[in-house]
Amino acid sequence: MSEMDDLAAFAVLVDAGSFTLAAQQLGCSKGQLSKRISQLESQFSVVLLHRTTRRLSLTAAGAALLPQAQALVVQVERARQALARLKDDIAGPVRLTVPVSLGETFFDALLLEFSRDYPRVQIELELNNSYRDLSREGFDLAIRSEVGSSERLVAKLVLNWHEITCASPAYLEQYGEPTTPARLVEHRCLLNSHYSGREEWQYHQQHELHKVRVSGPFASNHYSLLKKAALIGAGIARLPSYMLQAELADGRLRELLLNYQTRSNPMYLVHPYQGGLPKRTQVLADYLVQWFKQ
C-alpha cells in the first residue's frame, strides 16, 4: 500500500510540476513529499527526477514509470466516482429490523406509500423483539427502545409511547368498566408474557403510584395478538399507543382509566456509525422520521 501511495504521489508531482503545488494537492509538506519520492526511487533502485531550483524533469526511468503511476491515479478516481454514484443512486436493498408490533403498524405505509415514491428501493423488513447487532448482522437501520453502548450507533428519538388500557364495548357491556386501577382485580385481563412482571400493572396519578395484581384467561408475547383478543371481547388489555389510533377512533376499543398514566417509553431510529448513509438508506430513514411525526 505504501508503494501505491508513493506512485500516486509521483504522478501528482509530475502533473503539478513543483513540490510546492503537489504537496498542497496531497495535503502534506514538501519535506514529506520529497521523502516519499526518495522512498520510491530507493524501492526501484532508480532515479526518477532531475531536481533543480526552477524545474523538474523526468529521467528515462521516470518517463517509463509515469504512465503506470498515472493509470493508478485514474483507477483510484474511477473507484471513488463509482462509490459516489452508488451512494447517491436511490436504488438497492435496505435491511431494517424493528419490534414486531411496530413493524406491523407501519408495514402498509412502507409497502404502498414509500414503495410508490421509491420503487427501486428493496426493503427487507425483519420483525424481531430480540436485540440485533446491526454491523455484524448486516442491518442498515433499526428501531429500538434502547441504544446500547457496545455498538457505534447514530440514534434519533422518533417516538415516545405509552400503554393504553382498553377494552371492547362488548366486554364493557358484559363486565362493566373499572374506574380505578384497584378495580382491575375484578376483571379478565390480557397479559403480556414478554415481561416477567406481567401480572403487576402500574399506574401514576400525579405523584402517586398505583400497583395492582391482575389475572386473566390469555397471555401472549405479541401485542398484536393481545389487541385481537381485546377486539373480540376477551378482556382488558394494555397496548402501545402507536397501534390503537384506528381502533379508538372508530370505537372498536375504548380507552379506560383516563385519569391515570402509564410509563412513557422512547423509540429510537438507529444506524451504524459511518461517514454518510447511502441515499437509499437515507430516504427510508427520513420517511420513517416523518411517519412518526404524523
C-alpha atoms as a PDB file:
ATOM      1  CA  MET A   1       0.000   0.000   0.000  1.00  0.00           C
ATOM      2  CA  SER A   2       2.944   2.368   0.698  1.00  0.00           C
ATOM      3  CA  GLU A   3       4.303   1.790  -2.818  1.00  0.00           C
ATOM      4  CA  MET A   4       0.895   2.572  -4.324  1.00  0.00           C
ATOM      5  CA  ASP A   5       0.665   5.787  -2.322  1.00  0.00           C
ATOM      6  CA  ASP A   6       4.169   6.765  -3.432  1.00  0.00           C
ATOM      7  CA  LEU A   7       3.332   6.010  -7.083  1.00  0.00           C
ATOM      8  CA  ALA A   8       0.240   8.189  -6.865  1.00  0.00           C
ATOM      9  CA  ALA A   9       2.275  10.966  -5.238  1.00  0.00           C
ATOM     10  CA  PHE A  10       4.816  10.712  -8.068  1.00  0.00           C
ATOM     11  CA  ALA A  11       2.076  11.132 -10.703  1.00  0.00           C
ATOM     12  CA  VAL A  12       0.586  14.135  -8.883  1.00  0.00           C
ATOM     13  CA  LEU A  13       4.054  15.701  -8.567  1.00  0.00           C
ATOM     14  CA  VAL A  14       4.813  15.391 -12.270  1.00  0.00           C
ATOM     15  CA  ASP A  15       1.382  16.769 -13.183  1.00  0.00           C
ATOM     16  CA  ALA A  16       1.763  19.719 -10.783  1.00  0.00           C
ATOM     17  CA  GLY A  17       5.306  20.484 -11.903  1.00  0.00           C
ATOM     18  CA  SER A  18       6.553  21.507  -8.458  1.00  0.00           C
ATOM     19  CA  PHE A  19       6.873  20.095  -4.975  1.00  0.00           C
ATOM     20  CA  THR A  20       5.018  23.078  -3.529  1.00  0.00           C
ATOM     21  CA  LEU A  21       1.872  22.661  -5.636  1.00  0.00           C
ATOM     22  CA  ALA A  22       1.885  18.870  -5.375  1.00  0.00           C
ATOM     23  CA  ALA A  23       2.256  18.997  -1.588  1.00  0.00           C
ATOM     24  CA  GLN A  24      -0.746  21.338  -1.396  1.00  0.00           C
ATOM     25  CA  GLN A  25      -2.835  18.972  -3.511  1.00  0.00           C
ATOM     26  CA  LEU A  26      -1.802  15.958  -1.440  1.00  0.00           C
ATOM     27  CA  GLY A  27      -2.247  17.730   1.896  1.00  0.00           C
ATOM     28  CA  CYS A  28       1.294  17.126   3.107  1.00  0.00           C
ATOM     29  CA  SER A  29       4.513  19.110   3.500  1.00  0.00           C
ATOM     30  CA  LYS A  30       7.189  19.471   0.810  1.00  0.00           C
ATOM     31  CA  GLY A  31       9.563  17.516   3.025  1.00  0.00           C
ATOM     32  CA  GLN A  32       7.100  14.620   3.378  1.00  0.00           C
ATOM     33  CA  LEU A  33       6.515  14.537  -0.374  1.00  0.00           C
ATOM     34  CA  SER A  34      10.243  14.586  -1.108  1.00  0.00           C
ATOM     35  CA  LYS A  35      10.721  11.702   1.309  1.00  0.00           C
ATOM     36  CA  ARG A  36       8.024   9.652  -0.453  1.00  0.00           C
ATOM     37  CA  ILE A  37       9.651  10.186  -3.859  1.00  0.00           C
ATOM     38  CA  SER A  38      13.011   9.202  -2.403  1.00  0.00           C
ATOM     39  CA  GLN A  39      11.449   6.048  -0.951  1.00  0.00           C
ATOM     40  CA  LEU A  40      10.017   5.178  -4.355  1.00  0.00           C
ATOM     41  CA  GLU A  41      13.397   5.688  -6.036  1.00  0.00           C
ATOM     42  CA  SER A  42      15.066   3.553  -3.371  1.00  0.00           C
ATOM     43  CA  GLN A  43      12.450   0.828  -3.781  1.00  0.00           C
ATOM     44  CA  PHE A  44      13.079   0.558  -7.545  1.00  0.00           C
ATOM     45  CA  SER A  45      16.791   1.437  -7.338  1.00  0.00           C
ATOM     46  CA  VAL A  46      16.423   4.196  -9.952  1.00  0.00           C
ATOM     47  CA  VAL A  47      16.433   7.982 -10.210  1.00  0.00           C
ATOM     48  CA  LEU A  48      13.045   9.243 -11.380  1.00  0.00           C
ATOM     49  CA  LEU A  49      13.536  13.017 -11.436  1.00  0.00           C
ATOM     50  CA  HIS A  50      16.164  15.587 -12.172  1.00  0.00           C
ATOM     51  CA  ARG A  51      15.665  18.240  -9.498  1.00  0.00           C
ATOM     52  CA  THR A  52      16.737  21.857  -9.958  1.00  0.00           C
ATOM     53  CA  THR A  53      15.684  25.004  -8.156  1.00  0.00           C
ATOM     54  CA  ARG A  54      13.448  26.035 -11.071  1.00  0.00           C
ATOM     55  CA  ARG A  55      12.013  22.876 -12.628  1.00  0.00           C
ATOM     56  CA  LEU A  56      11.594  19.159 -12.506  1.00  0.00           C
ATOM     57  CA  SER A  57      12.387  16.835 -15.390  1.00  0.00           C
ATOM     58  CA  LEU A  58      11.939  13.122 -15.805  1.00  0.00           C
ATOM     59  CA  THR A  59      14.742  10.658 -16.184  1.00  0.00           C
ATOM     60  CA  ALA A  60      14.328   7.753 -18.576  1.00  0.00           C
ATOM     61  CA  ALA A  61      13.208   5.605 -15.640  1.00  0.00           C
ATOM     62  CA  GLY A  62      10.752   8.284 -14.555  1.00  0.00           C
ATOM     63  CA  ALA A  63       9.304   8.557 -18.053  1.00  0.00           C
ATOM     64  CA  ALA A  64       8.849   4.765 -18.163  1.00  0.00           C
ATOM     65  CA  LEU A  65       7.142   4.666 -14.764  1.00  0.00           C
ATOM     66  CA  LEU A  66       4.921   7.735 -15.210  1.00  0.00           C
ATOM     67  CA  PRO A  67       2.142   6.109 -17.358  1.00  0.00           C
ATOM     68  CA  GLN A  68       1.718   3.341 -14.765  1.00  0.00           C
ATOM     69  CA  ALA A  69       1.545   5.847 -11.925  1.00  0.00           C
ATOM     70  CA  GLN A  70      -0.960   7.992 -13.819  1.00  0.00           C
ATOM     71  CA  ALA A  71      -3.097   4.923 -14.575  1.00  0.00           C
ATOM     72  CA  LEU A  72      -3.152   4.147 -10.851  1.00  0.00           C
ATOM     73  CA  VAL A  73      -4.434   7.660 -10.068  1.00  0.00           C
ATOM     74  CA  VAL A  74      -7.106   7.303 -12.762  1.00  0.00           C
ATOM     75  CA  GLN A  75      -8.259   3.954 -11.340  1.00  0.00           C
ATOM     76  CA  VAL A  76      -8.499   5.389  -7.835  1.00  0.00           C
ATOM     77  CA  GLU A  77     -10.596   8.285  -9.109  1.00  0.00           C
ATOM     78  CA  ARG A  78     -12.863   5.934 -11.056  1.00  0.00           C
ATOM     79  CA  ALA A  79     -13.362   3.842  -7.936  1.00  0.00           C
ATOM     80  CA  ARG A  80     -14.215   6.968  -5.951  1.00  0.00           C
ATOM     81  CA  GLN A  81     -16.737   8.078  -8.573  1.00  0.00           C
ATOM     82  CA  ALA A  82     -18.304   4.619  -8.718  1.00  0.00           C
ATOM     83  CA  LEU A  83     -18.798   4.605  -4.964  1.00  0.00           C
ATOM     84  CA  ALA A  84     -20.220   8.125  -5.107  1.00  0.00           C
ATOM     85  CA  ARG A  85     -22.742   7.060  -7.763  1.00  0.00           C
ATOM     86  CA  LEU A  86     -23.687   4.022  -5.704  1.00  0.00           C
ATOM     87  CA  LYS A  87     -24.141   6.203  -2.640  1.00  0.00           C
ATOM     88  CA  ASP A  88     -26.329   8.718  -4.461  1.00  0.00           C
ATOM     89  CA  ASP A  89     -28.397   6.252  -6.502  1.00  0.00           C
ATOM     90  CA  ILE A  90     -31.806   5.773  -4.866  1.00  0.00           C
ATOM     91  CA  ALA A  91     -31.933   2.070  -5.583  1.00  0.00           C
ATOM     92  CA  GLY A  92     -30.912  -1.181  -3.973  1.00  0.00           C
ATOM     93  CA  PRO A  93     -31.636  -3.126  -0.779  1.00  0.00           C
ATOM     94  CA  VAL A  94     -32.142  -1.676   2.700  1.00  0.00           C
ATOM     95  CA  ARG A  95     -32.324  -4.031   5.697  1.00  0.00           C
ATOM     96  CA  LEU A  96     -34.469  -2.815   8.596  1.00  0.00           C
ATOM     97  CA  THR A  97     -35.164  -4.568  11.903  1.00  0.00           C
ATOM     98  CA  VAL A  98     -37.952  -3.374  14.214  1.00  0.00           C
ATOM     99  CA  PRO A  99     -40.104  -4.684  17.073  1.00  0.00           C
ATOM    100  CA  VAL A 100     -42.944  -6.904  15.877  1.00  0.00           C
ATOM    101  CA  SER A 101     -45.917  -4.739  16.838  1.00  0.00           C
ATOM    102  CA  LEU A 102     -44.339  -1.566  15.484  1.00  0.00           C
ATOM    103  CA  GLY A 103     -43.450  -3.152  12.167  1.00  0.00           C
ATOM    104  CA  GLU A 104     -46.979  -4.440  11.751  1.00  0.00           C
ATOM    105  CA  THR A 105     -48.253  -0.908  12.351  1.00  0.00           C
ATOM    106  CA  PHE A 106     -46.324   0.868   9.592  1.00  0.00           C
ATOM    107  CA  PHE A 107     -45.996  -2.054   7.158  1.00  0.00           C
ATOM    108  CA  ASP A 108     -48.879  -0.825   4.976  1.00  0.00           C
ATOM    109  CA  ALA A 109     -47.350   2.632   4.636  1.00  0.00           C
ATOM    110  CA  LEU A 110     -43.960   1.200   3.718  1.00  0.00           C
ATOM    111  CA  LEU A 111     -45.418  -1.161   1.160  1.00  0.00           C
ATOM    112  CA  LEU A 112     -47.721   1.368  -0.501  1.00  0.00           C
ATOM    113  CA  GLU A 113     -46.535   4.935   0.109  1.00  0.00           C
ATOM    114  CA  PHE A 114     -42.762   4.579   0.310  1.00  0.00           C
ATOM    115  CA  SER A 115     -42.540   1.960  -2.443  1.00  0.00           C
ATOM    116  CA  ARG A 116     -44.642   4.174  -4.707  1.00  0.00           C
ATOM    117  CA  ASP A 117     -42.195   7.059  -4.274  1.00  0.00           C
ATOM    118  CA  TYR A 118     -39.036   4.907  -4.395  1.00  0.00           C
ATOM    119  CA  PRO A 119     -39.862   1.828  -6.481  1.00  0.00           C
ATOM    120  CA  ARG A 120     -36.209   0.826  -6.920  1.00  0.00           C
ATOM    121  CA  VAL A 121     -35.519   0.557  -3.187  1.00  0.00           C
ATOM    122  CA  GLN A 122     -35.949  -3.018  -1.953  1.00  0.00           C
ATOM    123  CA  ILE A 123     -36.886  -3.119   1.727  1.00  0.00           C
ATOM    124  CA  GLU A 124     -36.103  -6.201   3.789  1.00  0.00           C
ATOM    125  CA  LEU A 125     -38.168  -5.742   6.952  1.00  0.00           C
ATOM    126  CA  GLU A 126     -37.417  -8.037   9.872  1.00  0.00           C
ATOM    127  CA  LEU A 127     -39.890  -8.121  12.746  1.00  0.00           C
ATOM    128  CA  ASN A 128     -37.995  -9.173  15.841  1.00  0.00           C
ATOM    129  CA  ASN A 129     -38.190  -8.224  19.507  1.00  0.00           C
ATOM    130  CA  SER A 130     -34.665  -9.507  20.138  1.00  0.00           C
ATOM    131  CA  TYR A 131     -31.547  -7.349  20.223  1.00  0.00           C
ATOM    132  CA  ARG A 132     -29.664  -7.467  16.904  1.00  0.00           C
ATOM    133  CA  ASP A 133     -26.053  -6.452  16.275  1.00  0.00           C
ATOM    134  CA  LEU A 134     -26.543  -4.176  13.271  1.00  0.00           C
ATOM    135  CA  SER A 135     -22.976  -4.107  11.964  1.00  0.00           C
ATOM    136  CA  ARG A 136     -22.266  -7.802  12.472  1.00  0.00           C
ATOM    137  CA  GLU A 137     -25.616  -8.949  11.074  1.00  0.00           C
ATOM    138  CA  GLY A 138     -25.724  -6.534   8.167  1.00  0.00           C
ATOM    139  CA  PHE A 139     -28.676  -4.294   9.067  1.00  0.00           C
ATOM    140  CA  ASP A 140     -28.812  -0.742   7.711  1.00  0.00           C
ATOM    141  CA  LEU A 141     -31.454   0.637  10.110  1.00  0.00           C
ATOM    142  CA  ALA A 142     -33.245  -0.395  13.278  1.00  0.00           C
ATOM    143  CA  ILE A 143     -35.884   0.918  15.636  1.00  0.00           C
ATOM    144  CA  ARG A 144     -35.074   0.258  19.276  1.00  0.00           C
ATOM    145  CA  SER A 145     -36.243   1.176  22.729  1.00  0.00           C
ATOM    146  CA  GLU A 146     -32.630   1.400  23.950  1.00  0.00           C
ATOM    147  CA  VAL A 147     -29.286   2.394  22.470  1.00  0.00           C
ATOM    148  CA  GLY A 148     -26.537   0.143  23.776  1.00  0.00           C
ATOM    149  CA  SER A 149     -23.055   1.485  24.471  1.00  0.00           C
ATOM    150  CA  SER A 150     -21.314  -1.546  22.950  1.00  0.00           C
ATOM    151  CA  GLU A 151     -22.039  -0.524  19.356  1.00  0.00           C
ATOM    152  CA  ARG A 152     -21.045   2.623  17.471  1.00  0.00           C
ATOM    153  CA  LEU A 153     -24.527   3.825  16.564  1.00  0.00           C
ATOM    154  CA  VAL A 154     -26.181   7.034  15.495  1.00  0.00           C
ATOM    155  CA  ALA A 155     -29.563   7.358  17.212  1.00  0.00           C
ATOM    156  CA  LYS A 156     -32.523   9.705  16.724  1.00  0.00           C
ATOM    157  CA  LEU A 157     -35.514   9.798  19.049  1.00  0.00           C
ATOM    158  CA  VAL A 158     -38.617   9.292  16.897  1.00  0.00           C
ATOM    159  CA  LEU A 159     -41.355   8.361  19.350  1.00  0.00           C
ATOM    160  CA  ASN A 160     -42.406   8.412  22.975  1.00  0.00           C
ATOM    161  CA  TRP A 161     -45.205   5.918  23.531  1.00  0.00           C
ATOM    162  CA  HIS A 162     -47.166   4.602  26.490  1.00  0.00           C
ATOM    163  CA  GLU A 163     -49.508   1.730  27.103  1.00  0.00           C
ATOM    164  CA  ILE A 164     -53.245   2.431  26.894  1.00  0.00           C
ATOM    165  CA  THR A 165     -55.648   0.358  28.941  1.00  0.00           C
ATOM    166  CA  CYS A 166     -58.559  -0.565  26.688  1.00  0.00           C
ATOM    167  CA  ALA A 167     -61.401  -2.971  26.060  1.00  0.00           C
ATOM    168  CA  SER A 168     -64.160  -3.537  23.528  1.00  0.00           C
ATOM    169  CA  PRO A 169     -67.662  -2.109  24.033  1.00  0.00           C
ATOM    170  CA  ALA A 170     -68.983  -5.680  24.127  1.00  0.00           C
ATOM    171  CA  TYR A 171     -66.710  -6.599  27.038  1.00  0.00           C
ATOM    172  CA  LEU A 172     -67.588  -3.436  28.968  1.00  0.00           C
ATOM    173  CA  GLU A 173     -71.283  -4.024  28.443  1.00  0.00           C
ATOM    174  CA  GLN A 174     -70.978  -7.501  29.922  1.00  0.00           C
ATOM    175  CA  TYR A 175     -68.493  -6.883  32.760  1.00  0.00           C
ATOM    176  CA  GLY A 176     -68.664  -3.144  33.431  1.00  0.00           C
ATOM    177  CA  GLU A 177     -65.904  -0.532  33.335  1.00  0.00           C
ATOM    178  CA  PRO A 178     -63.206  -0.254  36.025  1.00  0.00           C
ATOM    179  CA  THR A 179     -62.973   3.294  37.385  1.00  0.00           C
ATOM    180  CA  THR A 180     -59.691   2.852  39.304  1.00  0.00           C
ATOM    181  CA  PRO A 181     -56.688   0.523  38.860  1.00  0.00           C
ATOM    182  CA  ALA A 182     -57.703  -1.351  42.026  1.00  0.00           C
ATOM    183  CA  ARG A 183     -60.942  -2.451  40.318  1.00  0.00           C
ATOM    184  CA  LEU A 184     -58.939  -4.326  37.644  1.00  0.00           C
ATOM    185  CA  VAL A 185     -58.694  -7.305  40.032  1.00  0.00           C
ATOM    186  CA  GLU A 186     -62.397  -7.888  39.307  1.00  0.00           C
ATOM    187  CA  HIS A 187     -61.772  -8.148  35.545  1.00  0.00           C
ATOM    188  CA  ARG A 188     -60.415 -10.509  32.904  1.00  0.00           C
ATOM    189  CA  CYS A 189     -57.065  -9.009  31.939  1.00  0.00           C
ATOM    190  CA  LEU A 190     -54.974  -9.933  28.921  1.00  0.00           C
ATOM    191  CA  LEU A 191     -51.328 -10.356  29.923  1.00  0.00           C
ATOM    192  CA  ASN A 192     -48.114  -9.720  28.021  1.00  0.00           C
ATOM    193  CA  SER A 193     -45.899 -12.759  28.628  1.00  0.00           C
ATOM    194  CA  HIS A 194     -42.866 -10.953  27.207  1.00  0.00           C
ATOM    195  CA  TYR A 195     -42.485  -9.196  30.564  1.00  0.00           C
ATOM    196  CA  SER A 196     -41.535 -11.061  33.738  1.00  0.00           C
ATOM    197  CA  GLY A 197     -43.833  -8.900  35.893  1.00  0.00           C
ATOM    198  CA  ARG A 198     -46.811  -9.326  33.608  1.00  0.00           C
ATOM    199  CA  GLU A 199     -49.323  -9.722  36.486  1.00  0.00           C
ATOM    200  CA  GLU A 200     -48.404  -6.369  38.047  1.00  0.00           C
ATOM    201  CA  TRP A 201     -49.858  -3.356  36.262  1.00  0.00           C
ATOM    202  CA  GLN A 202     -48.626   0.052  37.381  1.00  0.00           C
ATOM    203  CA  TYR A 203     -50.261   3.457  37.039  1.00  0.00           C
ATOM    204  CA  HIS A 204     -49.406   7.005  38.098  1.00  0.00           C
ATOM    205  CA  GLN A 205     -51.814   9.705  39.213  1.00  0.00           C
ATOM    206  CA  GLN A 206     -49.954  12.935  39.840  1.00  0.00           C
ATOM    207  CA  HIS A 207     -47.157  11.782  42.217  1.00  0.00           C
ATOM    208  CA  GLU A 208     -48.900   8.656  43.484  1.00  0.00           C
ATOM    209  CA  LEU A 209     -48.004   5.158  42.227  1.00  0.00           C
ATOM    210  CA  HIS A 210     -50.747   2.537  41.974  1.00  0.00           C
ATOM    211  CA  LYS A 211     -49.837  -1.146  41.678  1.00  0.00           C
ATOM    212  CA  VAL A 212     -52.383  -3.870  41.079  1.00  0.00           C
ATOM    213  CA  ARG A 213     -52.008  -7.605  40.513  1.00  0.00           C
ATOM    214  CA  VAL A 214     -54.227  -8.747  37.677  1.00  0.00           C
ATOM    215  CA  SER A 215     -55.120 -12.084  36.116  1.00  0.00           C
ATOM    216  CA  GLY A 216     -56.961 -13.305  33.089  1.00  0.00           C
ATOM    217  CA  PRO A 217     -57.663 -16.063  30.576  1.00  0.00           C
ATOM    218  CA  PHE A 218     -54.992 -15.271  27.975  1.00  0.00           C
ATOM    219  CA  ALA A 219     -51.342 -14.214  27.712  1.00  0.00           C
ATOM    220  CA  SER A 220     -49.130 -13.645  24.698  1.00  0.00           C
ATOM    221  CA  ASN A 221     -45.717 -12.193  23.970  1.00  0.00           C
ATOM    222  CA  HIS A 222     -47.093 -10.301  20.936  1.00  0.00           C
ATOM    223  CA  TYR A 223     -49.093  -7.092  21.262  1.00  0.00           C
ATOM    224  CA  SER A 224     -50.903  -7.830  18.002  1.00  0.00           C
ATOM    225  CA  LEU A 225     -52.499 -10.974  19.451  1.00  0.00           C
ATOM    226  CA  LEU A 226     -53.440  -9.147  22.638  1.00  0.00           C
ATOM    227  CA  LYS A 227     -55.138  -6.495  20.516  1.00  0.00           C
ATOM    228  CA  LYS A 228     -57.089  -9.152  18.619  1.00  0.00           C
ATOM    229  CA  ALA A 229     -58.167 -10.689  21.901  1.00  0.00           C
ATOM    230  CA  ALA A 230     -59.345  -7.311  23.165  1.00  0.00           C
ATOM    231  CA  LEU A 231     -61.245  -6.647  19.930  1.00  0.00           C
ATOM    232  CA  ILE A 232     -63.252  -9.870  20.256  1.00  0.00           C
ATOM    233  CA  GLY A 233     -64.186  -9.020  23.875  1.00  0.00           C
ATOM    234  CA  ALA A 234     -61.870 -11.474  25.641  1.00  0.00           C
ATOM    235  CA  GLY A 235     -60.730  -8.987  28.250  1.00  0.00           C
ATOM    236  CA  ILE A 236     -58.938  -5.753  29.124  1.00  0.00           C
ATOM    237  CA  ALA A 237     -55.554  -5.151  27.516  1.00  0.00           C
ATOM    238  CA  ARG A 238     -52.683  -2.684  27.869  1.00  0.00           C
ATOM    239  CA  LEU A 239     -51.461  -1.876  24.369  1.00  0.00           C
ATOM    240  CA  PRO A 240     -48.982   0.591  22.828  1.00  0.00           C
ATOM    241  CA  SER A 241     -50.483   3.937  21.916  1.00  0.00           C
ATOM    242  CA  TYR A 242     -48.968   3.753  18.417  1.00  0.00           C
ATOM    243  CA  MET A 243     -51.090   0.742  17.437  1.00  0.00           C
ATOM    244  CA  LEU A 244     -54.510   1.935  18.621  1.00  0.00           C
ATOM    245  CA  GLN A 245     -55.282   5.071  16.623  1.00  0.00           C
ATOM    246  CA  ALA A 246     -57.795   3.463  14.243  1.00  0.00           C
ATOM    247  CA  GLU A 247     -59.496   1.269  16.847  1.00  0.00           C
ATOM    248  CA  LEU A 248     -60.004   4.122  19.328  1.00  0.00           C
ATOM    249  CA  ALA A 249     -61.164   6.490  16.590  1.00  0.00           C
ATOM    250  CA  ASP A 250     -63.859   4.163  15.227  1.00  0.00           C
ATOM    251  CA  GLY A 251     -64.975   2.904  18.641  1.00  0.00           C
ATOM    252  CA  ARG A 252     -63.949  -0.732  18.320  1.00  0.00           C
ATOM    253  CA  LEU A 253     -61.907  -0.230  21.513  1.00  0.00           C
ATOM    254  CA  ARG A 254     -62.439   2.236  24.356  1.00  0.00           C
ATOM    255  CA  GLU A 255     -59.687   3.761  26.463  1.00  0.00           C
ATOM    256  CA  LEU A 256     -60.065   3.138  30.198  1.00  0.00           C
ATOM    257  CA  LEU A 257     -58.653   4.773  33.349  1.00  0.00           C
ATOM    258  CA  LEU A 258     -58.185   8.125  31.620  1.00  0.00           C
ATOM    259  CA  ASN A 259     -57.178   9.834  34.874  1.00  0.00           C
ATOM    260  CA  TYR A 260     -54.205   7.512  35.350  1.00  0.00           C
ATOM    261  CA  GLN A 261     -50.951   7.448  33.390  1.00  0.00           C
ATOM    262  CA  THR A 262     -48.589   4.663  32.400  1.00  0.00           C
ATOM    263  CA  ARG A 263     -44.847   4.918  31.879  1.00  0.00           C
ATOM    264  CA  SER A 264     -43.535   6.731  28.796  1.00  0.00           C
ATOM    265  CA  ASN A 265     -41.211   4.673  26.592  1.00  0.00           C
ATOM    266  CA  PRO A 266     -38.794   6.055  23.963  1.00  0.00           C
ATOM    267  CA  MET A 267     -38.176   4.623  20.494  1.00  0.00           C
ATOM    268  CA  TYR A 268     -35.026   5.434  18.534  1.00  0.00           C
ATOM    269  CA  LEU A 269     -34.178   5.116  14.865  1.00  0.00           C
ATOM    270  CA  VAL A 270     -30.570   3.910  14.787  1.00  0.00           C
ATOM    271  CA  HIS A 271     -27.936   3.005  12.228  1.00  0.00           C
ATOM    272  CA  PRO A 272     -24.257   2.026  12.424  1.00  0.00           C
ATOM    273  CA  TYR A 273     -21.892   4.978  12.553  1.00  0.00           C
ATOM    274  CA  GLN A 274     -20.368   5.822   9.155  1.00  0.00           C
ATOM    275  CA  GLY A 275     -19.344   8.886   7.186  1.00  0.00           C
ATOM    276  CA  GLY A 276     -22.700   9.173   5.433  1.00  0.00           C
ATOM    277  CA  LEU A 277     -25.647   6.945   4.648  1.00  0.00           C
ATOM    278  CA  PRO A 278     -26.250   5.670   1.114  1.00  0.00           C
ATOM    279  CA  LYS A 279     -29.075   7.622  -0.490  1.00  0.00           C
ATOM    280  CA  ARG A 280     -31.462   4.644  -0.448  1.00  0.00           C
ATOM    281  CA  THR A 281     -30.947   4.261   3.309  1.00  0.00           C
ATOM    282  CA  GLN A 282     -31.216   7.993   3.982  1.00  0.00           C
ATOM    283  CA  VAL A 283     -34.567   8.382   2.189  1.00  0.00           C
ATOM    284  CA  LEU A 284     -36.022   5.468   4.164  1.00  0.00           C
ATOM    285  CA  ALA A 285     -34.715   6.938   7.427  1.00  0.00           C
ATOM    286  CA  ASP A 286     -36.222  10.323   6.535  1.00  0.00           C
ATOM    287  CA  TYR A 287     -39.531   8.678   5.627  1.00  0.00           C
ATOM    288  CA  LEU A 288     -39.726   6.846   8.967  1.00  0.00           C
ATOM    289  CA  VAL A 289     -38.948  10.025  10.931  1.00  0.00           C
ATOM    290  CA  GLN A 290     -41.742  11.840   9.085  1.00  0.00           C
ATOM    291  CA  TRP A 291     -44.150   8.917   9.531  1.00  0.00           C
ATOM    292  CA  PHE A 292     -43.666   9.018  13.301  1.00  0.00           C
ATOM    293  CA  LYS A 293     -44.203  12.778  13.367  1.00  0.00           C
ATOM    294  CA  GLN A 294     -47.527  12.351  11.624  1.00  0.00           C
END
